[in-house]
C-alpha atoms as a PDB file:
ATOM      1  CA  MET A   1     -57.903  20.029 -33.184  1.00  0.00           C
ATOM      2  CA  ARG A   2     -60.959  22.239 -33.097  1.00  0.00           C
ATOM      3  CA  ALA A   3     -59.683  25.712 -33.883  1.00  0.00           C
ATOM      4  CA  HIS A   4     -62.458  27.575 -32.068  1.00  0.00           C
ATOM      5  CA  LYS A   5     -61.225  26.094 -28.752  1.00  0.00           C
ATOM      6  CA  SER A   6     -57.641  27.259 -29.316  1.00  0.00           C
ATOM      7  CA  LEU A   7     -58.077  30.395 -27.223  1.00  0.00           C
ATOM      8  CA  ALA A   8     -58.925  28.440 -24.073  1.00  0.00           C
ATOM      9  CA  THR A   9     -55.997  28.599 -21.650  1.00  0.00           C
ATOM     10  CA  THR A  10     -55.213  24.888 -21.549  1.00  0.00           C
ATOM     11  CA  TYR A  11     -55.363  24.563 -25.325  1.00  0.00           C
ATOM     12  CA  SER A  12     -53.355  27.691 -26.098  1.00  0.00           C
ATOM     13  CA  GLU A  13     -50.630  26.794 -23.570  1.00  0.00           C
ATOM     14  CA  SER A  14     -50.326  23.299 -25.027  1.00  0.00           C
ATOM     15  CA  ILE A  15     -50.284  24.580 -28.607  1.00  0.00           C
ATOM     16  CA  ASN A  16     -47.666  27.221 -27.806  1.00  0.00           C
ATOM     17  CA  TYR A  17     -45.494  24.635 -26.053  1.00  0.00           C
ATOM     18  CA  LEU A  18     -45.676  22.177 -28.943  1.00  0.00           C
ATOM     19  CA  THR A  19     -45.119  24.720 -31.711  1.00  0.00           C
ATOM     20  CA  LYS A  20     -42.136  26.355 -29.962  1.00  0.00           C
ATOM     21  CA  ALA A  21     -40.548  22.963 -29.306  1.00  0.00           C
ATOM     22  CA  ASN A  22     -40.889  21.924 -32.969  1.00  0.00           C
ATOM     23  CA  VAL A  23     -39.933  24.850 -35.187  1.00  0.00           C
ATOM     24  CA  ASP A  24     -40.449  22.842 -38.393  1.00  0.00           C
ATOM     25  CA  GLN A  25     -44.004  21.963 -37.414  1.00  0.00           C
ATOM     26  CA  GLN A  26     -46.975  23.751 -38.983  1.00  0.00           C
ATOM     27  CA  LEU A  27     -50.143  24.516 -37.060  1.00  0.00           C
ATOM     28  CA  ILE A  28     -53.499  24.071 -38.768  1.00  0.00           C
ATOM     29  CA  GLY A  29     -56.766  24.716 -36.977  1.00  0.00           C
ATOM     30  CA  LEU A  30     -60.014  23.358 -38.352  1.00  0.00           C
ATOM     31  CA  THR A  31     -63.515  24.109 -37.209  1.00  0.00           C
ATOM     32  CA  ALA A  32     -67.023  23.378 -38.384  1.00  0.00           C
ATOM     33  CA  THR A  33     -67.993  27.000 -37.890  1.00  0.00           C
ATOM     34  CA  PRO A  34     -66.407  30.039 -39.538  1.00  0.00           C
ATOM     35  CA  GLY A  35     -65.526  31.756 -36.266  1.00  0.00           C
ATOM     36  CA  ARG A  36     -65.467  31.393 -32.520  1.00  0.00           C
ATOM     37  CA  THR A  37     -68.819  33.099 -31.951  1.00  0.00           C
ATOM     38  CA  ALA A  38     -71.529  34.717 -34.010  1.00  0.00           C
ATOM     39  CA  ASP A  39     -71.841  37.732 -31.731  1.00  0.00           C
ATOM     40  CA  ASP A  40     -68.285  38.609 -30.669  1.00  0.00           C
ATOM     41  CA  ASP A  41     -66.102  39.984 -33.444  1.00  0.00           C
ATOM     42  CA  ILE A  42     -63.266  40.603 -30.945  1.00  0.00           C
ATOM     43  CA  GLU A  43     -62.990  36.886 -30.164  1.00  0.00           C
ATOM     44  CA  ASN A  44     -63.066  36.061 -33.870  1.00  0.00           C
ATOM     45  CA  LYS A  45     -60.190  38.493 -34.456  1.00  0.00           C
ATOM     46  CA  MET A  46     -58.267  36.986 -31.524  1.00  0.00           C
ATOM     47  CA  LEU A  47     -58.775  33.539 -33.048  1.00  0.00           C
ATOM     48  CA  ALA A  48     -57.498  34.738 -36.427  1.00  0.00           C
ATOM     49  CA  ASN A  49     -54.465  36.341 -34.750  1.00  0.00           C
ATOM     50  CA  PHE A  50     -53.734  33.082 -32.913  1.00  0.00           C
ATOM     51  CA  PHE A  51     -53.314  31.450 -36.318  1.00  0.00           C
ATOM     52  CA  ARG A  52     -51.268  34.453 -37.565  1.00  0.00           C
ATOM     53  CA  SER A  53     -54.296  35.732 -39.499  1.00  0.00           C
ATOM     54  CA  ASN A  54     -53.933  32.892 -41.994  1.00  0.00           C
ATOM     55  CA  LYS A  55     -57.656  32.404 -42.143  1.00  0.00           C
ATOM     56  CA  ILE A  56     -59.379  31.101 -45.210  1.00  0.00           C
ATOM     57  CA  THR A  57     -62.414  33.245 -45.901  1.00  0.00           C
ATOM     58  CA  LEU A  58     -65.597  32.498 -47.764  1.00  0.00           C
ATOM     59  CA  THR A  59     -66.560  34.110 -51.025  1.00  0.00           C
ATOM     60  CA  ASP A  60     -69.992  34.138 -52.588  1.00  0.00           C
ATOM     61  CA  GLU A  61     -70.894  32.945 -56.084  1.00  0.00           C
ATOM     62  CA  PHE A  62     -69.543  36.235 -57.503  1.00  0.00           C
ATOM     63  CA  GLY A  63     -66.145  35.882 -55.794  1.00  0.00           C
ATOM     64  CA  ILE A  64     -66.899  38.597 -53.217  1.00  0.00           C
ATOM     65  CA  GLU A  65     -65.734  37.915 -49.660  1.00  0.00           C
ATOM     66  CA  VAL A  66     -68.662  37.129 -47.377  1.00  0.00           C
ATOM     67  CA  GLU A  67     -68.936  39.660 -44.538  1.00  0.00           C
ATOM     68  CA  ASN A  68     -71.013  37.445 -42.216  1.00  0.00           C
ATOM     69  CA  PRO A  69     -70.050  33.804 -42.913  1.00  0.00           C
ATOM     70  CA  ILE A  70     -72.451  32.281 -40.381  1.00  0.00           C
ATOM     71  CA  LYS A  71     -75.475  34.103 -41.834  1.00  0.00           C
ATOM     72  CA  TYR A  72     -74.323  33.319 -45.376  1.00  0.00           C
ATOM     73  CA  LEU A  73     -73.956  29.600 -44.617  1.00  0.00           C
ATOM     74  CA  GLN A  74     -77.360  29.599 -42.929  1.00  0.00           C
ATOM     75  CA  ASP A  75     -78.946  31.368 -45.916  1.00  0.00           C
ATOM     76  CA  ILE A  76     -77.600  28.750 -48.340  1.00  0.00           C
ATOM     77  CA  GLU A  77     -78.696  26.004 -45.918  1.00  0.00           C
ATOM     78  CA  ILE A  78     -75.243  24.692 -44.996  1.00  0.00           C
ATOM     79  CA  LEU A  79     -75.590  25.664 -41.315  1.00  0.00           C
ATOM     80  CA  ALA A  80     -78.816  25.389 -39.361  1.00  0.00           C
ATOM     81  CA  LYS A  81     -80.541  28.525 -38.122  1.00  0.00           C
ATOM     82  CA  LEU A  82     -80.990  28.669 -34.375  1.00  0.00           C
ATOM     83  CA  ASN A  83     -84.447  28.939 -32.937  1.00  0.00           C
ATOM     84  CA  ARG A  84     -83.832  30.059 -29.355  1.00  0.00           C
ATOM     85  CA  ARG A  85     -86.604  29.930 -26.814  1.00  0.00           C
ATOM     86  CA  SER A  86     -86.619  30.867 -23.163  1.00  0.00           C
ATOM     87  CA  PHE A  87     -88.562  28.793 -20.752  1.00  0.00           C
ATOM     88  CA  ILE A  88     -89.236  28.769 -17.043  1.00  0.00           C
ATOM     89  CA  PRO A  89     -89.267  25.311 -15.496  1.00  0.00           C
ATOM     90  CA  ILE A  90     -92.284  24.410 -13.405  1.00  0.00           C
ATOM     91  CA  LEU A  91     -91.167  23.309  -9.975  1.00  0.00           C
ATOM     92  CA  LYS A  92     -93.471  21.138  -7.884  1.00  0.00           C
END
Protein backbone atom coordinates (compact mmCIF):
# COMPACT_ATOMS: atom_id res chain seq x y z
CA MET A 1 0.00 0.00 0.00
CA ARG A 2 1.05 3.60 -0.38
CA ALA A 3 1.89 4.76 3.12
CA HIS A 4 1.17 8.44 2.51
CA LYS A 5 -2.52 7.58 1.92
CA SER A 6 -2.82 5.68 5.21
CA LEU A 7 -4.29 8.64 7.07
CA ALA A 8 -7.30 8.87 4.77
CA THR A 9 -10.40 7.64 6.60
CA THR A 10 -11.19 4.70 4.34
CA TYR A 11 -7.60 3.49 4.35
CA SER A 12 -7.01 3.91 8.07
CA GLU A 13 -10.29 2.16 8.98
CA SER A 14 -9.44 -0.77 6.70
CA ILE A 15 -5.88 -1.00 8.01
CA ASN A 16 -7.02 -0.87 11.64
CA TYR A 17 -9.62 -3.56 10.99
CA LEU A 18 -7.14 -5.89 9.30
CA THR A 19 -4.33 -5.42 11.81
CA LYS A 20 -6.61 -5.92 14.84
CA ALA A 21 -8.11 -9.06 13.30
CA ASN A 22 -4.66 -10.57 12.64
CA VAL A 23 -2.44 -9.97 15.65
CA ASP A 24 0.50 -11.86 14.10
CA GLN A 25 0.44 -9.66 11.01
CA GLN A 26 2.98 -6.88 10.52
CA LEU A 27 2.13 -3.61 8.82
CA ILE A 28 4.62 -2.06 6.43
CA GLY A 29 3.90 1.17 4.59
CA LEU A 30 5.94 2.14 1.55
CA THR A 31 5.91 5.41 -0.31
CA ALA A 32 7.91 7.04 -3.06
CA THR A 33 8.17 10.23 -1.05
CA PRO A 34 9.70 10.63 2.41
CA GLY A 35 6.56 12.09 3.98
CA ARG A 36 2.93 12.91 3.41
CA THR A 37 3.54 16.53 2.41
CA ALA A 38 6.46 18.88 2.01
CA ASP A 39 4.76 21.73 3.85
CA ASP A 40 2.88 20.14 6.75
CA ASP A 41 5.10 18.70 9.47
CA ILE A 42 2.02 17.86 11.58
CA GLU A 43 0.71 15.46 8.92
CA ASN A 44 4.16 13.89 8.59
CA LYS A 45 4.24 13.31 12.36
CA MET A 46 0.72 11.84 12.24
CA LEU A 47 1.86 9.49 9.48
CA ALA A 48 4.88 8.40 11.52
CA ASN A 49 2.65 7.82 14.57
CA PHE A 50 0.28 5.71 12.45
CA PHE A 51 3.20 3.36 11.83
CA ARG A 52 4.21 3.53 15.53
CA SER A 53 7.05 5.92 14.65
CA ASN A 54 8.96 3.08 13.00
CA LYS A 55 10.07 5.31 10.19
CA ILE A 56 13.29 4.77 8.36
CA THR A 57 15.07 8.09 8.02
CA LEU A 58 17.63 9.28 5.52
CA THR A 59 21.21 10.05 6.38
CA ASP A 60 23.65 12.01 4.28
CA GLU A 61 27.07 10.84 3.11
CA PHE A 62 28.48 11.63 6.58
CA GLY A 63 25.86 9.53 8.41
CA ILE A 64 23.97 12.59 9.70
CA GLU A 65 20.17 12.36 9.64
CA VAL A 66 18.70 14.56 6.91
CA GLU A 67 16.41 17.23 8.36
CA ASN A 68 14.48 17.91 5.13
CA PRO A 69 14.41 14.65 3.12
CA ILE A 70 12.46 16.07 0.16
CA LYS A 71 14.92 18.95 -0.35
CA TYR A 72 17.87 16.60 0.15
CA LEU A 73 16.57 14.13 -2.44
CA GLN A 74 15.90 17.00 -4.85
CA ASP A 75 19.41 18.39 -4.31
CA ILE A 76 21.01 15.03 -5.15
CA GLU A 77 18.65 14.70 -8.14
CA ILE A 78 16.65 11.71 -6.92
CA LEU A 79 13.36 13.66 -6.76
CA ALA A 80 12.36 16.30 -9.27
CA LYS A 81 12.06 19.91 -8.19
CA LEU A 82 8.64 21.41 -8.71
CA ASN A 83 8.26 24.42 -10.93
CA ARG A 84 4.82 25.77 -10.01
CA ARG A 85 3.15 28.36 -12.17
CA SER A 86 -0.20 30.05 -11.81
CA PHE A 87 -2.23 30.75 -14.86
CA ILE A 88 -5.57 32.29 -15.66
CA PRO A 89 -7.49 30.50 -18.40
CA ILE A 90 -8.76 32.62 -21.25
CA LEU A 91 -12.48 32.12 -21.64
CA LYS A 92 -14.11 32.92 -24.97
